[in-house]
Protein backbone atom coordinates (compact mmCIF):
# COMPACT_ATOMS: atom_id res chain seq x y z
CA MET A 1 -7.36 -19.10 28.84
CA LYS A 2 -4.53 -19.01 26.28
CA LEU A 3 -1.20 -20.27 27.55
CA THR A 4 1.22 -17.35 27.84
CA LYS A 5 4.85 -17.49 26.72
CA SER A 6 6.05 -16.64 30.24
CA THR A 7 4.10 -19.58 31.68
CA GLN A 8 5.67 -21.88 29.10
CA ILE A 9 9.15 -20.65 30.08
CA PHE A 10 8.47 -20.91 33.82
CA TYR A 11 7.22 -24.43 33.21
CA GLY A 12 10.34 -25.35 31.23
CA LEU A 13 12.64 -24.05 33.98
CA GLY A 14 11.16 -26.60 36.38
CA VAL A 15 12.71 -29.57 34.60
CA SER A 16 15.86 -28.85 36.62
CA TYR A 17 15.55 -32.31 38.17
CA ALA A 18 17.29 -33.36 34.94
CA ILE A 19 20.47 -32.23 36.70
CA VAL A 20 20.24 -34.90 39.40
CA ASP A 21 19.11 -37.36 36.75
CA GLN A 22 22.37 -36.75 34.92
CA ILE A 23 24.40 -36.92 38.13
CA PHE A 24 22.95 -40.32 38.83
CA ALA A 25 23.46 -41.59 35.28
CA GLN A 26 27.02 -40.33 34.91
CA TRP A 27 28.59 -40.17 38.36
CA ILE A 28 27.09 -42.79 40.71
CA LEU A 29 28.68 -45.78 39.01
CA TYR A 30 31.83 -43.78 38.33
CA PHE A 31 32.11 -42.90 42.06
CA TYR A 32 31.39 -46.42 43.35
CA LEU A 33 33.28 -48.31 40.61
CA PRO A 34 35.93 -45.88 39.29
CA PRO A 35 38.51 -46.48 36.55
CA GLU A 36 42.12 -46.93 37.63
CA SER A 37 43.15 -43.47 36.41
CA SER A 38 40.48 -41.61 38.41
CA GLY A 39 42.26 -41.23 41.75
CA LEU A 40 39.29 -42.92 43.48
CA LYS A 41 39.01 -46.33 45.13
CA PRO A 42 36.20 -48.85 44.47
CA ILE A 43 33.67 -48.73 47.31
CA MET A 44 32.16 -52.19 46.86
CA ALA A 45 32.00 -55.12 44.46
CA PRO A 46 30.11 -54.64 41.16
CA ALA A 47 27.52 -57.26 42.16
CA LEU A 48 26.64 -55.40 45.36
CA ILE A 49 26.32 -52.09 43.47
CA SER A 50 23.93 -53.68 41.00
CA ILE A 51 21.80 -55.31 43.69
CA ALA A 52 21.59 -52.14 45.83
CA LEU A 53 20.52 -50.01 42.87
CA ALA A 54 18.10 -52.71 41.70
CA ILE A 55 16.43 -52.64 45.12
CA SER A 56 16.05 -48.87 44.94
CA ARG A 57 14.58 -49.16 41.45
CA ILE A 58 12.01 -51.69 42.62
CA VAL A 59 10.90 -49.28 45.36
CA ASP A 60 10.75 -46.55 42.73
CA MET A 61 8.61 -48.66 40.42
CA ILE A 62 6.00 -49.02 43.14
CA THR A 63 5.87 -45.29 43.84
CA ASP A 64 5.62 -44.13 40.19
CA PRO A 65 2.02 -45.17 39.42
CA ALA A 66 1.01 -44.43 43.04
CA ILE A 67 2.21 -40.81 42.91
CA GLY A 68 0.65 -40.30 39.47
CA TYR A 69 -2.69 -41.67 40.68
CA LEU A 70 -2.54 -39.54 43.84
CA SER A 71 -1.90 -36.38 41.84
CA ASP A 72 -4.99 -37.20 39.74
CA LYS A 73 -7.08 -37.38 42.92
CA VAL A 74 -5.73 -34.36 44.81
CA ASN A 75 -7.01 -30.85 44.19
CA THR A 76 -5.83 -27.80 46.13
CA ARG A 77 -5.99 -24.06 45.63
CA TRP A 78 -2.48 -24.31 44.11
CA GLY A 79 -3.58 -27.03 41.66
CA ARG A 80 -3.15 -30.79 41.32
CA ARG A 81 0.52 -31.02 40.31
CA ILE A 82 2.34 -27.97 41.74
CA PRO A 83 2.10 -29.05 45.44
CA PHE A 84 4.01 -32.26 44.67
CA ILE A 85 6.86 -30.34 43.01
CA ALA A 86 7.03 -27.98 46.01
CA PHE A 87 7.15 -30.88 48.47
CA GLY A 88 9.77 -32.99 46.70
CA SER A 89 12.37 -30.59 45.29
CA ILE A 90 14.52 -30.06 48.41
CA PRO A 91 14.53 -33.72 49.57
CA LEU A 92 15.49 -34.74 46.04
CA ALA A 93 18.56 -32.47 46.18
CA LEU A 94 19.53 -33.76 49.65
CA THR A 95 19.32 -37.44 48.71
CA THR A 96 21.43 -36.77 45.59
CA ILE A 97 24.17 -35.34 47.79
CA ALA A 98 23.87 -38.26 50.21
CA PHE A 99 24.89 -40.72 47.48
CA PHE A 100 28.43 -39.37 47.67
CA TYR A 101 28.93 -39.74 51.43
CA PRO A 102 28.75 -43.52 51.82
CA PRO A 103 30.18 -45.29 54.87
CA THR A 104 33.18 -47.33 53.83
CA SER A 105 33.81 -49.42 56.95
CA ASN A 106 32.71 -52.63 55.22
CA ASN A 107 30.85 -53.83 52.14
CA THR A 108 27.64 -54.72 53.98
CA VAL A 109 27.20 -51.26 55.50
CA SER A 110 28.01 -49.59 52.17
CA PHE A 111 25.52 -51.85 50.41
CA ILE A 112 22.68 -51.10 52.85
CA TYR A 113 23.42 -47.37 52.68
CA LEU A 114 23.34 -47.31 48.87
CA ALA A 115 20.07 -49.26 48.77
CA ILE A 116 18.36 -46.93 51.28
CA ILE A 117 19.59 -43.67 49.76
CA GLY A 118 18.76 -44.93 46.28
CA SER A 119 15.21 -45.78 47.34
CA LEU A 120 14.71 -42.32 48.88
CA PHE A 121 16.24 -40.61 45.85
CA PHE A 122 13.91 -42.29 43.39
CA THR A 123 10.86 -41.74 45.58
CA PHE A 124 11.43 -37.98 45.68
CA TYR A 125 12.39 -38.01 42.00
CA THR A 126 8.94 -39.46 41.25
CA ILE A 127 7.17 -36.99 43.54
CA VAL A 128 8.69 -34.17 41.49
CA GLY A 129 8.89 -35.69 37.99
CA ALA A 130 5.53 -37.40 37.42
CA PRO A 131 3.33 -34.41 38.41
CA TYR A 132 5.68 -32.04 36.59
CA ASN A 133 5.24 -33.91 33.31
CA ALA A 134 1.49 -34.24 33.87
CA LEU A 135 1.29 -30.43 33.84
CA ILE A 136 1.61 -30.53 30.02
CA PRO A 137 -1.87 -31.96 29.34
CA GLU A 138 -3.15 -30.25 32.51
CA ILE A 139 -2.46 -26.67 31.35
CA GLY A 140 -2.05 -27.20 27.58
CA LYS A 141 -5.47 -27.26 25.93
CA SER A 142 -4.47 -27.88 22.30
CA MET A 143 -1.92 -29.98 20.44
CA GLU A 144 0.03 -26.82 19.62
CA GLU A 145 0.19 -25.71 23.26
CA ARG A 146 1.20 -29.18 24.41
CA LEU A 147 3.93 -29.37 21.77
CA ASP A 148 5.16 -25.90 22.77
CA LEU A 149 5.29 -26.96 26.44
CA SER A 150 7.13 -30.12 25.47
CA THR A 151 9.58 -28.09 23.40
CA TRP A 152 10.29 -25.61 26.22
CA GLN A 153 10.72 -28.52 28.59
CA SER A 154 13.15 -30.05 26.11
CA VAL A 155 15.09 -26.79 25.73
CA PHE A 156 15.64 -26.48 29.45
CA ARG A 157 16.14 -30.20 29.98
CA LEU A 158 18.93 -30.01 27.43
CA LEU A 159 20.35 -26.92 29.11
CA TYR A 160 20.28 -28.51 32.55
CA THR A 161 21.65 -31.81 31.28
CA ALA A 162 24.41 -29.97 29.44
CA ILE A 163 25.26 -28.08 32.63
CA ALA A 164 25.41 -31.38 34.52
CA MET A 165 27.74 -32.83 31.89
CA ILE A 166 29.85 -29.81 30.96
CA LEU A 167 30.55 -28.24 34.36
CA PRO A 168 31.47 -31.26 36.54
CA GLY A 169 34.97 -31.75 35.13
CA LYS A 170 35.91 -28.13 35.79
CA LEU A 171 34.08 -27.99 39.13
CA ILE A 172 35.88 -31.11 40.35
CA GLU A 173 39.21 -29.57 39.39
CA VAL A 174 38.51 -26.17 41.00
CA LEU A 175 36.59 -27.30 44.09
CA GLY A 176 38.66 -30.42 44.74
CA ARG A 177 42.14 -28.86 44.43
CA GLY A 178 43.70 -32.22 43.61
CA ASP A 179 41.38 -34.28 45.81
CA SER A 180 39.04 -36.22 43.51
CA THR A 181 36.65 -37.26 46.27
CA LEU A 182 36.29 -33.73 47.63
CA GLY A 183 35.92 -32.31 44.12
CA ILE A 184 33.12 -34.71 43.18
CA ARG A 185 31.26 -34.06 46.43
CA ASN A 186 31.43 -30.28 46.11
CA MET A 187 30.41 -30.51 42.46
CA VAL A 188 27.33 -32.55 43.40
CA ILE A 189 26.34 -30.14 46.18
CA SER A 190 26.56 -27.14 43.83
CA LEU A 191 24.49 -28.74 41.08
CA SER A 192 21.90 -30.18 43.49
CA ILE A 193 21.20 -26.70 44.86
CA LEU A 194 20.66 -25.45 41.30
CA SER A 195 18.25 -28.33 40.72
CA ALA A 196 16.08 -27.35 43.69
CA ILE A 197 16.00 -23.67 42.63
CA GLY A 198 14.64 -24.59 39.20
CA GLY A 199 11.82 -26.58 40.73
CA TYR A 200 10.66 -23.65 42.83
CA ILE A 201 10.69 -21.33 39.81
CA THR A 202 7.92 -23.51 38.38
CA VAL A 203 6.14 -23.70 41.75
CA PHE A 204 5.89 -19.91 42.00
CA GLY A 205 5.84 -19.06 38.29
CA VAL A 206 3.14 -21.39 36.93
CA LYS A 207 -0.37 -20.52 38.11
CA GLU A 208 -1.87 -23.92 37.49
CA GLY A 209 -5.33 -22.83 38.61
CA ASP A 210 -5.52 -20.23 35.82
CA TYR A 211 -5.40 -22.95 33.16
CA SER A 212 -6.67 -26.11 34.85
CA LYS A 213 -10.35 -26.66 35.62
CA GLY A 214 -9.38 -28.56 38.76
CA GLU A 215 -11.15 -31.72 37.61
CA THR A 216 -10.07 -34.90 39.39
CA SER A 217 -10.31 -38.60 38.65
CA LYS A 218 -13.41 -40.28 40.04
CA ILE A 219 -12.44 -43.91 39.48
CA SER A 220 -10.40 -46.40 41.51
CA PHE A 221 -6.78 -47.35 40.90
CA LYS A 222 -7.81 -50.74 39.49
CA GLU A 223 -10.34 -49.18 37.12
CA THR A 224 -7.77 -46.62 36.00
CA ILE A 225 -5.20 -49.30 35.15
CA GLU A 226 -7.80 -51.35 33.27
CA ILE A 227 -8.79 -48.33 31.15
CA ILE A 228 -5.21 -47.31 30.35
CA PHE A 229 -3.95 -50.71 29.26
CA LYS A 230 -6.79 -51.18 26.80
CA TYR A 231 -4.98 -48.68 24.57
CA LYS A 232 -2.43 -50.63 22.49
CA ASN A 233 -0.71 -47.44 21.37
CA PHE A 234 0.13 -46.70 25.00
CA ILE A 235 1.71 -50.16 25.36
CA TYR A 236 3.79 -49.79 22.19
CA TYR A 237 4.87 -46.32 23.26
CA LEU A 238 5.95 -47.54 26.71
CA PHE A 239 8.10 -50.38 25.41
CA GLY A 240 9.61 -48.21 22.69
CA LEU A 241 10.48 -45.68 25.39
CA LEU A 242 11.86 -48.41 27.67
CA PHE A 243 14.36 -49.81 25.21
CA PHE A 244 15.38 -46.43 23.86
CA PHE A 245 16.38 -45.25 27.33
CA VAL A 246 18.11 -48.54 28.14
CA GLY A 247 20.36 -47.77 25.18
CA PHE A 248 20.68 -44.05 25.81
CA ASN A 249 21.40 -44.46 29.54
CA THR A 250 24.11 -46.97 28.67
CA LEU A 251 25.72 -44.48 26.29
CA ARG A 252 25.54 -41.67 28.86
CA ALA A 253 27.09 -43.80 31.58
CA SER A 254 29.91 -45.01 29.31
CA MET A 255 30.88 -41.55 27.98
CA ASN A 256 33.39 -40.87 30.77
CA TYR A 257 35.01 -44.24 30.21
CA TYR A 258 35.30 -43.62 26.47
CA VAL A 259 36.93 -40.23 27.01
CA GLU A 260 39.45 -41.48 29.58
CA ASP A 261 40.24 -45.06 28.61
CA ILE A 262 39.54 -45.25 24.86
CA MET A 263 40.42 -41.72 23.73
CA GLY A 264 43.14 -41.21 26.35
CA TYR A 265 42.04 -37.83 27.75
CA GLY A 266 41.53 -36.53 31.30
CA LYS A 267 38.45 -35.44 33.25
CA ALA A 268 38.48 -31.93 31.78
CA GLN A 269 37.93 -33.36 28.30
CA MET A 270 34.68 -34.97 29.48
CA THR A 271 33.35 -31.43 29.16
CA ILE A 272 34.27 -31.31 25.47
CA ALA A 273 32.41 -34.55 24.76
CA ALA A 274 29.32 -33.16 26.50
CA VAL A 275 29.55 -29.90 24.53
CA TYR A 276 29.58 -31.81 21.24
CA LEU A 277 26.66 -34.05 22.22
CA PHE A 278 24.32 -31.47 23.73
CA GLY A 279 25.43 -28.58 21.55
CA THR A 280 24.37 -30.52 18.48
CA SER A 281 21.08 -31.46 20.17
CA ALA A 282 20.41 -27.80 20.93
CA VAL A 283 21.00 -26.80 17.31
CA CYS A 284 18.57 -29.51 16.19
CA PHE A 285 15.70 -28.55 18.52
CA TYR A 286 14.07 -26.02 16.21
CA PRO A 287 14.19 -28.18 13.05
CA THR A 288 13.03 -31.19 15.10
CA ASN A 289 9.98 -29.22 16.24
CA LYS A 290 9.18 -28.14 12.67
CA ILE A 291 9.71 -31.61 11.19
CA ALA A 292 7.49 -33.18 13.87
CA LYS A 293 4.65 -30.83 12.93
CA LYS A 294 4.95 -31.85 9.27
CA ILE A 295 5.54 -35.61 9.37
CA GLY A 296 4.32 -36.52 12.86
CA TYR A 297 6.05 -38.05 15.85
CA ARG A 298 6.29 -41.70 14.76
CA LYS A 299 8.26 -41.26 11.53
CA LEU A 300 10.69 -38.86 13.17
CA MET A 301 11.26 -41.25 16.08
CA LEU A 302 11.98 -44.14 13.71
CA CYS A 303 14.48 -42.04 11.74
CA SER A 304 16.16 -41.01 14.99
CA LEU A 305 16.57 -44.63 16.09
CA ILE A 306 18.11 -45.61 12.74
CA LEU A 307 20.68 -42.83 13.07
CA LEU A 308 21.42 -43.77 16.69
CA THR A 309 22.07 -47.36 15.68
CA ILE A 310 24.48 -46.25 12.95
CA PHE A 311 26.37 -43.78 15.15
CA THR A 312 26.60 -46.20 18.09
CA THR A 313 28.08 -48.80 15.74
CA MET A 314 30.70 -46.21 14.84
CA LEU A 315 31.35 -45.73 18.57
CA PHE A 316 32.05 -49.46 18.86
CA LEU A 317 34.63 -49.08 16.07
CA LEU A 318 36.30 -46.02 17.68
CA GLY A 319 39.98 -46.72 18.18
CA LYS A 320 39.75 -49.81 15.97
CA ILE A 321 38.79 -48.73 12.45
CA ILE A 322 37.76 -45.17 13.29
CA PRO A 323 40.57 -43.00 14.76
CA THR A 324 40.05 -41.77 18.33
CA SER A 325 40.53 -38.20 17.10
CA PHE A 326 37.04 -38.51 15.57
CA GLY A 327 35.54 -39.33 18.97
CA PHE A 328 34.30 -35.85 19.89
CA LYS A 329 32.73 -35.37 16.44
CA LEU A 330 31.02 -38.74 16.86
CA PHE A 331 29.44 -37.58 20.11
CA GLY A 332 28.20 -34.58 18.15
CA LEU A 333 26.60 -36.84 15.53
CA ILE A 334 24.85 -38.81 18.27
CA GLY A 335 23.35 -35.54 19.48
CA ILE A 336 21.34 -35.14 16.22
CA PRO A 337 18.85 -38.00 16.81
CA VAL A 338 18.99 -37.55 20.59
CA SER A 339 17.37 -34.11 20.12
CA GLY A 340 14.05 -35.67 19.21
CA ALA A 341 14.18 -39.19 20.62
CA ALA A 342 15.29 -38.24 24.14
CA PHE A 343 13.88 -34.73 24.54
CA ILE A 344 11.03 -33.37 22.41
CA LEU A 345 9.14 -36.44 21.22
CA PRO A 346 8.44 -38.53 24.39
CA PRO A 347 6.50 -35.91 26.44
CA ALA A 348 4.67 -34.70 23.32
CA MET A 349 3.65 -38.23 22.34
CA LEU A 350 2.44 -39.18 25.81
CA SER A 351 0.56 -35.88 26.20
CA GLU A 352 -1.47 -36.72 23.09
CA ILE A 353 -2.03 -40.32 24.25
CA SER A 354 -3.16 -39.28 27.74
CA ASN A 355 -5.35 -36.51 26.34
CA LYS A 356 -7.05 -38.98 24.00
CA ILE A 357 -7.64 -41.42 26.88
CA CYS A 358 -9.17 -38.63 28.97
CA GLU A 359 -11.43 -37.52 26.10
CA ASN A 360 -12.66 -41.07 25.46
CA THR A 361 -13.24 -42.03 29.10
CA GLY A 362 -14.22 -38.70 30.68
CA ASN A 363 -11.69 -39.19 33.49
CA LYS A 364 -8.73 -36.86 34.14
CA ILE A 365 -5.99 -39.45 34.59
CA GLU A 366 -2.98 -37.79 32.97
CA GLY A 367 -0.98 -38.11 36.20
CA ILE A 368 -1.05 -41.88 36.29
CA CYS A 369 -0.19 -42.02 32.58
CA PHE A 370 2.99 -40.10 33.30
CA GLY A 371 3.48 -42.12 36.48
CA ILE A 372 3.43 -45.33 34.47
CA GLN A 373 5.85 -43.73 32.02
CA GLY A 374 8.05 -42.97 35.01
CA PHE A 375 7.84 -46.65 35.97
CA PHE A 376 9.18 -47.61 32.55
CA LEU A 377 11.85 -44.92 32.60
CA LYS A 378 13.09 -46.17 35.97
CA LEU A 379 12.92 -49.74 34.70
CA ALA A 380 15.18 -48.62 31.86
CA PHE A 381 17.63 -47.15 34.37
CA MET A 382 17.49 -50.33 36.44
CA LEU A 383 18.14 -52.59 33.48
CA SER A 384 21.09 -50.53 32.29
CA ILE A 385 22.63 -50.06 35.74
CA LEU A 386 22.05 -53.74 36.57
CA VAL A 387 24.10 -55.04 33.65
CA LEU A 388 26.54 -52.15 33.12
CA PRO A 389 28.97 -52.99 35.97
CA PHE A 390 29.31 -56.53 34.62
CA ILE A 391 29.77 -55.34 31.03
CA LEU A 392 32.44 -52.81 32.03
CA VAL A 393 34.64 -55.47 33.68
CA TRP A 394 34.30 -57.79 30.66
CA ASN A 395 37.25 -60.22 30.29
CA ASN A 396 38.72 -59.20 33.67
CA ASN A 397 38.85 -62.28 35.87
CA ILE A 398 41.47 -60.89 38.25
CA SER A 399 40.07 -57.66 39.72
CA ASN A 400 37.04 -55.39 39.54
CA SER A 401 38.77 -52.92 37.21
CA VAL A 402 37.10 -51.63 34.05
CA THR A 403 38.50 -52.99 30.76
CA LYS A 404 38.56 -51.55 27.25
CA ASP A 405 36.72 -54.63 26.00
CA GLY A 406 34.01 -53.87 28.55
CA ILE A 407 33.70 -50.28 27.39
CA TYR A 408 33.29 -51.41 23.77
CA MET A 409 30.66 -53.95 24.86
CA THR A 410 28.49 -51.14 26.24
CA ALA A 411 28.08 -49.87 22.65
CA LEU A 412 26.90 -53.28 21.44
CA PHE A 413 24.43 -53.47 24.31
CA ALA A 414 23.06 -50.03 23.39
CA ILE A 415 22.69 -51.03 19.72
CA GLY A 416 20.56 -54.02 20.69
CA ALA A 417 18.34 -51.77 22.83
CA PHE A 418 17.84 -49.26 19.99
CA ILE A 419 16.80 -52.05 17.61
CA LEU A 420 14.16 -53.26 20.08
CA SER A 421 12.95 -49.69 20.55
CA PHE A 422 12.56 -49.33 16.78
CA PHE A 423 10.38 -52.44 16.67
CA PHE A 424 7.88 -51.11 19.23
CA TYR A 425 7.74 -47.58 17.80
CA TYR A 426 7.16 -49.14 14.39
CA LYS A 427 4.08 -50.89 15.82
CA TYR A 428 2.85 -47.58 17.25
CA GLN A 429 0.02 -46.02 15.23
CA GLU A 430 -0.09 -42.23 15.32
């Protein structure tokens, strides 16, 4: 059965979990380790924040392949992937909100709370995200259909991510009425509800059974892993993805600090930076799709990484050689390569890899392929969040306050990650 346009759109709308992804990337560290000008107080020491989030990431890494494998084995009248999205969407929203209500009686209690909530958050994130992504090869039966699904996912991921970056500053101001803590909490509640709604649009809008044959994997977890890791292209793809998102997550998390401490603006101007970044990405979606069809995924990814390295170097020079007035335009330039490298190319590339593995082995194991990708994505988050608190307080031996030197160091860290990503994508053979 040919994939309808409405099904593609309903599928794309379900990537609303990108909202809570952005909340985590941009606001968790900001809330627990705020800059001096924020009106917030640090909740615990940087080392405890890193350890708590590292623990939650380790739990998440265990669940990623497990959920993917389980979705390959399960078959219901609603399909293999849709039931997982239905089950996880509401708990994912609730655990996102819970991040911003930590007990503050002492560091130990705050640390335990953050570790537990983080572990629950990432578990439900996996329950929703891995099966959702595995729907691409599940319902897309040709390269064109899979690329179209990936593109629609990218369109809505960009829209949701833009919402989660553009609206918070204004929502905090309106809903907080001068109280930063209240404003951030109400902002998170509002966006988390929107995230859950998007998930259920896919649950009720995508009739998985109309497109999927309902075939399940017949092999064990060990056999599945052995088959998958025989494919070198999959390994190169995973490590290219890992280091790209280490760099990109670092840039996302440091954006607020750049706007406030380097460029000298307030929270409302964070919205402007997000508009430049994601507005440019949106404009580049259509040409990115067309270019990918002509030259393939690998060449376009390599070009994107070269541009990211150049633009991130310029970010390091912002306020030194490059005037801070150019800052917003620079975020716009970064959005050009982000369009392909962060949005369209990864799900399209993995859909083709997983489809080829399934064709060669005769086993429907797309879910675990995306589950393993989730493992590497979460590892990227863990690596960036593990080192970022220490980078941000660079050259500050007196307190836990963020320094300008630390903010600049985040750009250098991202550059190194993009160079490593380029190496592995260069090894990838399309």
